[in-house]
Amino acid sequence: MATFRKRLSLRWSDLDPNFHLRHSSYYDLAATFRVELLDQMGLTLQVMKEQHFGPVLFREEAVFLKEIRIADNVDITAALVSLTPDGAKWSVMHEFIDDKDVVRARLTVDGAWIDTQIRKIAKPTAHVAIDVFNALPKIEVVPNTEK
């Protein structure tokens, strides 16, 4: 069974001149975590290469709630926001959570599976569409109505 929460190991190169986590590091850490999760669930880069498909992102959005510094103990999580019935398109949310369970940032990605030979969005194999993404915890995103 996969673990959908992981302790992050922050590096000096992840920081910006203000000595907190640089904005692009959030995206890099989340992308690495997604690939690790897929691999952990049997959907390895080798499987994707052999079956000629891979993930493609349409949108990445981060909401920064509280800064993260190099000495902070922070975990990253992953949860499924949405999945089309055929499994071709999906949204995943990551949260960066500290030791006191305070959410420091949320990062949401909207993506799809692309056929790497014809370079078009494609319905994935059943293993991808059903087993892997449906194994992720589900989260309902409530639209922000604040102005």
C-alpha atoms as a PDB file:
ATOM      1  CA  MET A   1       0.000   0.000   0.000  1.00  0.00           C
ATOM      2  CA  ALA A   2       1.278   3.439  -0.895  1.00  0.00           C
ATOM      3  CA  THR A   3       1.911   6.186   1.615  1.00  0.00           C
ATOM      4  CA  PHE A   4       0.360   9.490   0.596  1.00  0.00           C
ATOM      5  CA  ARG A   5       2.340  11.575   3.101  1.00  0.00           C
ATOM      6  CA  LYS A   6       6.089  12.017   3.155  1.00  0.00           C
ATOM      7  CA  ARG A   7       8.548  13.996   5.281  1.00  0.00           C
ATOM      8  CA  LEU A   8      10.448  16.448   3.114  1.00  0.00           C
ATOM      9  CA  SER A   9      14.193  16.853   3.215  1.00  0.00           C
ATOM     10  CA  LEU A  10      14.868  20.483   2.371  1.00  0.00           C
ATOM     11  CA  ARG A  11      18.146  21.572   0.825  1.00  0.00           C
ATOM     12  CA  TRP A  12      20.049  24.842   0.865  1.00  0.00           C
ATOM     13  CA  SER A  13      19.289  25.203  -2.856  1.00  0.00           C
ATOM     14  CA  ASP A  14      15.541  25.140  -2.064  1.00  0.00           C
ATOM     15  CA  LEU A  15      15.803  28.515  -0.305  1.00  0.00           C
ATOM     16  CA  ASP A  16      15.474  32.023  -1.662  1.00  0.00           C
ATOM     17  CA  PRO A  17      17.329  35.170  -0.476  1.00  0.00           C
ATOM     18  CA  ASN A  18      14.789  35.542   2.367  1.00  0.00           C
ATOM     19  CA  PHE A  19      15.901  32.139   3.764  1.00  0.00           C
ATOM     20  CA  HIS A  20      12.548  30.468   3.235  1.00  0.00           C
ATOM     21  CA  LEU A  21      11.406  27.907   0.694  1.00  0.00           C
ATOM     22  CA  ARG A  22      11.644  29.389  -2.791  1.00  0.00           C
ATOM     23  CA  HIS A  23       8.329  29.396  -4.682  1.00  0.00           C
ATOM     24  CA  SER A  24       9.547  27.094  -7.467  1.00  0.00           C
ATOM     25  CA  SER A  25      10.786  24.541  -4.922  1.00  0.00           C
ATOM     26  CA  TYR A  26       7.169  23.799  -3.967  1.00  0.00           C
ATOM     27  CA  TYR A  27       6.469  22.771  -7.571  1.00  0.00           C
ATOM     28  CA  ASP A  28       9.647  20.677  -7.810  1.00  0.00           C
ATOM     29  CA  LEU A  29       8.960  18.899  -4.504  1.00  0.00           C
ATOM     30  CA  ALA A  30       5.352  18.136  -5.506  1.00  0.00           C
ATOM     31  CA  ALA A  31       6.373  16.801  -8.938  1.00  0.00           C
ATOM     32  CA  THR A  32       8.987  14.533  -7.375  1.00  0.00           C
ATOM     33  CA  PHE A  33       6.440  13.265  -4.840  1.00  0.00           C
ATOM     34  CA  ARG A  34       3.892  12.466  -7.571  1.00  0.00           C
ATOM     35  CA  VAL A  35       6.446  10.437  -9.519  1.00  0.00           C
ATOM     36  CA  GLU A  36       7.480   8.606  -6.319  1.00  0.00           C
ATOM     37  CA  LEU A  37       3.818   7.790  -5.565  1.00  0.00           C
ATOM     38  CA  LEU A  38       3.185   6.445  -9.052  1.00  0.00           C
ATOM     39  CA  ASP A  39       6.354   4.365  -8.840  1.00  0.00           C
ATOM     40  CA  GLN A  40       5.364   3.061  -5.393  1.00  0.00           C
ATOM     41  CA  MET A  41       2.030   1.943  -6.850  1.00  0.00           C
ATOM     42  CA  GLY A  42       3.653   0.057  -9.712  1.00  0.00           C
ATOM     43  CA  LEU A  43       3.295   2.744 -12.338  1.00  0.00           C
ATOM     44  CA  THR A  44       7.008   3.213 -12.962  1.00  0.00           C
ATOM     45  CA  LEU A  45       8.709   5.380 -15.562  1.00  0.00           C
ATOM     46  CA  GLN A  46       9.666   2.142 -17.310  1.00  0.00           C
ATOM     47  CA  VAL A  47       5.992   1.066 -17.518  1.00  0.00           C
ATOM     48  CA  MET A  48       5.057   4.469 -18.955  1.00  0.00           C
ATOM     49  CA  LYS A  49       7.879   4.233 -21.490  1.00  0.00           C
ATOM     50  CA  GLU A  50       6.886   0.707 -22.554  1.00  0.00           C
ATOM     51  CA  GLN A  51       3.191   1.632 -22.868  1.00  0.00           C
ATOM     52  CA  HIS A  52       3.936   4.983 -24.568  1.00  0.00           C
ATOM     53  CA  PHE A  53       2.186   7.342 -22.182  1.00  0.00           C
ATOM     54  CA  GLY A  54       3.072   9.902 -19.542  1.00  0.00           C
ATOM     55  CA  PRO A  55       1.594  12.715 -17.483  1.00  0.00           C
ATOM     56  CA  VAL A  56       1.248  16.224 -18.870  1.00  0.00           C
ATOM     57  CA  LEU A  57       0.233  19.273 -16.806  1.00  0.00           C
ATOM     58  CA  PHE A  58      -2.138  22.034 -17.905  1.00  0.00           C
ATOM     59  CA  ARG A  59      -2.084  24.092 -14.729  1.00  0.00           C
ATOM     60  CA  GLU A  60      -0.148  24.311 -11.474  1.00  0.00           C
ATOM     61  CA  GLU A  61      -1.277  26.667  -8.750  1.00  0.00           C
ATOM     62  CA  ALA A  62       0.213  27.232  -5.332  1.00  0.00           C
ATOM     63  CA  VAL A  63      -1.328  29.089  -2.429  1.00  0.00           C
ATOM     64  CA  PHE A  64       1.300  30.042   0.147  1.00  0.00           C
ATOM     65  CA  LEU A  65      -0.168  30.316   3.651  1.00  0.00           C
ATOM     66  CA  LYS A  66       2.857  30.401   5.957  1.00  0.00           C
ATOM     67  CA  GLU A  67       6.546  30.386   5.107  1.00  0.00           C
ATOM     68  CA  ILE A  68       8.663  27.266   5.366  1.00  0.00           C
ATOM     69  CA  ARG A  69      12.265  27.540   6.559  1.00  0.00           C
ATOM     70  CA  ILE A  70      15.033  24.980   6.162  1.00  0.00           C
ATOM     71  CA  ALA A  71      14.863  23.786   9.793  1.00  0.00           C
ATOM     72  CA  ASP A  72      11.079  23.232   9.705  1.00  0.00           C
ATOM     73  CA  ASN A  73       9.752  19.683   9.745  1.00  0.00           C
ATOM     74  CA  VAL A  74       7.279  19.568   6.877  1.00  0.00           C
ATOM     75  CA  ASP A  75       5.401  16.742   5.195  1.00  0.00           C
ATOM     76  CA  ILE A  76       3.829  16.705   1.747  1.00  0.00           C
ATOM     77  CA  THR A  77       0.544  14.950   1.017  1.00  0.00           C
ATOM     78  CA  ALA A  78      -1.362  14.034  -2.140  1.00  0.00           C
ATOM     79  CA  ALA A  79      -5.096  13.692  -2.700  1.00  0.00           C
ATOM     80  CA  LEU A  80      -7.287  13.311  -5.777  1.00  0.00           C
ATOM     81  CA  VAL A  81      -9.511  16.315  -6.487  1.00  0.00           C
ATOM     82  CA  SER A  82     -11.089  15.022  -9.696  1.00  0.00           C
ATOM     83  CA  LEU A  83     -10.812  12.312 -12.338  1.00  0.00           C
ATOM     84  CA  THR A  84     -12.738  12.084 -15.613  1.00  0.00           C
ATOM     85  CA  PRO A  85     -14.761   8.878 -16.077  1.00  0.00           C
ATOM     86  CA  ASP A  86     -12.290   7.580 -18.672  1.00  0.00           C
ATOM     87  CA  GLY A  87      -9.329   8.482 -16.451  1.00  0.00           C
ATOM     88  CA  ALA A  88      -7.709  10.693 -19.103  1.00  0.00           C
ATOM     89  CA  LYS A  89      -7.794  13.973 -17.120  1.00  0.00           C
ATOM     90  CA  TRP A  90      -7.238  14.535 -13.403  1.00  0.00           C
ATOM     91  CA  SER A  91      -6.523  17.052 -10.663  1.00  0.00           C
ATOM     92  CA  VAL A  92      -4.340  16.395  -7.616  1.00  0.00           C
ATOM     93  CA  MET A  93      -3.847  18.580  -4.550  1.00  0.00           C
ATOM     94  CA  HIS A  94      -0.733  18.589  -2.406  1.00  0.00           C
ATOM     95  CA  GLU A  95      -0.542  20.090   1.059  1.00  0.00           C
ATOM     96  CA  PHE A  96       2.650  21.067   2.853  1.00  0.00           C
ATOM     97  CA  ILE A  97       1.937  20.386   6.540  1.00  0.00           C
ATOM     98  CA  ASP A  98       4.106  21.056   9.594  1.00  0.00           C
ATOM     99  CA  ASP A  99       4.515  19.063  12.822  1.00  0.00           C
ATOM    100  CA  LYS A 100       1.506  20.833  14.364  1.00  0.00           C
ATOM    101  CA  ASP A 101      -0.683  19.847  11.382  1.00  0.00           C
ATOM    102  CA  VAL A 102      -0.753  23.450  10.158  1.00  0.00           C
ATOM    103  CA  VAL A 103      -1.061  23.665   6.385  1.00  0.00           C
ATOM    104  CA  ARG A 104       1.761  25.903   5.153  1.00  0.00           C
ATOM    105  CA  ALA A 105       0.866  25.735   1.438  1.00  0.00           C
ATOM    106  CA  ARG A 106      -1.491  24.050  -1.018  1.00  0.00           C
ATOM    107  CA  LEU A 107      -0.501  23.158  -4.548  1.00  0.00           C
ATOM    108  CA  THR A 108      -3.024  21.949  -7.109  1.00  0.00           C
ATOM    109  CA  VAL A 109      -2.185  20.460 -10.503  1.00  0.00           C
ATOM    110  CA  ASP A 110      -4.542  19.738 -13.397  1.00  0.00           C
ATOM    111  CA  GLY A 111      -3.211  17.194 -15.840  1.00  0.00           C
ATOM    112  CA  ALA A 112      -3.868  14.390 -18.248  1.00  0.00           C
ATOM    113  CA  TRP A 113      -2.209  11.380 -19.813  1.00  0.00           C
ATOM    114  CA  ILE A 114      -0.529  11.886 -23.156  1.00  0.00           C
ATOM    115  CA  ASP A 115       0.272   9.226 -25.729  1.00  0.00           C
ATOM    116  CA  THR A 116       3.989   9.827 -26.214  1.00  0.00           C
ATOM    117  CA  GLN A 117       3.958   8.516 -29.793  1.00  0.00           C
ATOM    118  CA  ILE A 118       1.085  10.520 -31.254  1.00  0.00           C
ATOM    119  CA  ARG A 119       1.553  13.433 -28.781  1.00  0.00           C
ATOM    120  CA  LYS A 120      -2.149  13.693 -27.927  1.00  0.00           C
ATOM    121  CA  ILE A 121      -4.243  13.294 -24.803  1.00  0.00           C
ATOM    122  CA  ALA A 122      -5.211   9.644 -24.519  1.00  0.00           C
ATOM    123  CA  LYS A 123      -7.291   7.374 -22.331  1.00  0.00           C
ATOM    124  CA  PRO A 124      -4.810   5.506 -20.133  1.00  0.00           C
ATOM    125  CA  THR A 125      -4.697   1.820 -19.387  1.00  0.00           C
ATOM    126  CA  ALA A 126      -7.140   0.550 -16.768  1.00  0.00           C
ATOM    127  CA  HIS A 127      -4.292   0.230 -14.259  1.00  0.00           C
ATOM    128  CA  VAL A 128      -3.618   3.962 -14.459  1.00  0.00           C
ATOM    129  CA  ALA A 129      -7.189   5.199 -14.642  1.00  0.00           C
ATOM    130  CA  ILE A 130      -8.763   2.931 -12.098  1.00  0.00           C
ATOM    131  CA  ASP A 131      -6.255   1.374  -9.722  1.00  0.00           C
ATOM    132  CA  VAL A 132      -3.673   4.099  -9.231  1.00  0.00           C
ATOM    133  CA  PHE A 133      -5.648   7.331  -9.187  1.00  0.00           C
ATOM    134  CA  ASN A 134      -8.657   5.816  -7.426  1.00  0.00           C
ATOM    135  CA  ALA A 135      -6.306   4.587  -4.689  1.00  0.00           C
ATOM    136  CA  LEU A 136      -5.478   8.191  -3.788  1.00  0.00           C
ATOM    137  CA  PRO A 137      -7.439   9.741  -0.939  1.00  0.00           C
ATOM    138  CA  LYS A 138     -10.214  12.010  -2.239  1.00  0.00           C
ATOM    139  CA  ILE A 139     -10.520  15.671  -1.331  1.00  0.00           C
ATOM    140  CA  GLU A 140     -13.321  18.075  -2.151  1.00  0.00           C
ATOM    141  CA  VAL A 141     -12.169  21.572  -3.005  1.00  0.00           C
ATOM    142  CA  VAL A 142     -14.518  24.344  -1.938  1.00  0.00           C
ATOM    143  CA  PRO A 143     -14.282  27.409  -4.220  1.00  0.00           C
ATOM    144  CA  ASN A 144     -12.912  30.547  -2.590  1.00  0.00           C
ATOM    145  CA  THR A 145     -15.720  33.102  -2.468  1.00  0.00           C
ATOM    146  CA  GLU A 146     -13.773  35.810  -0.622  1.00  0.00           C
ATOM    147  CA  LYS A 147     -13.246  39.101  -2.437  1.00  0.00           C
END
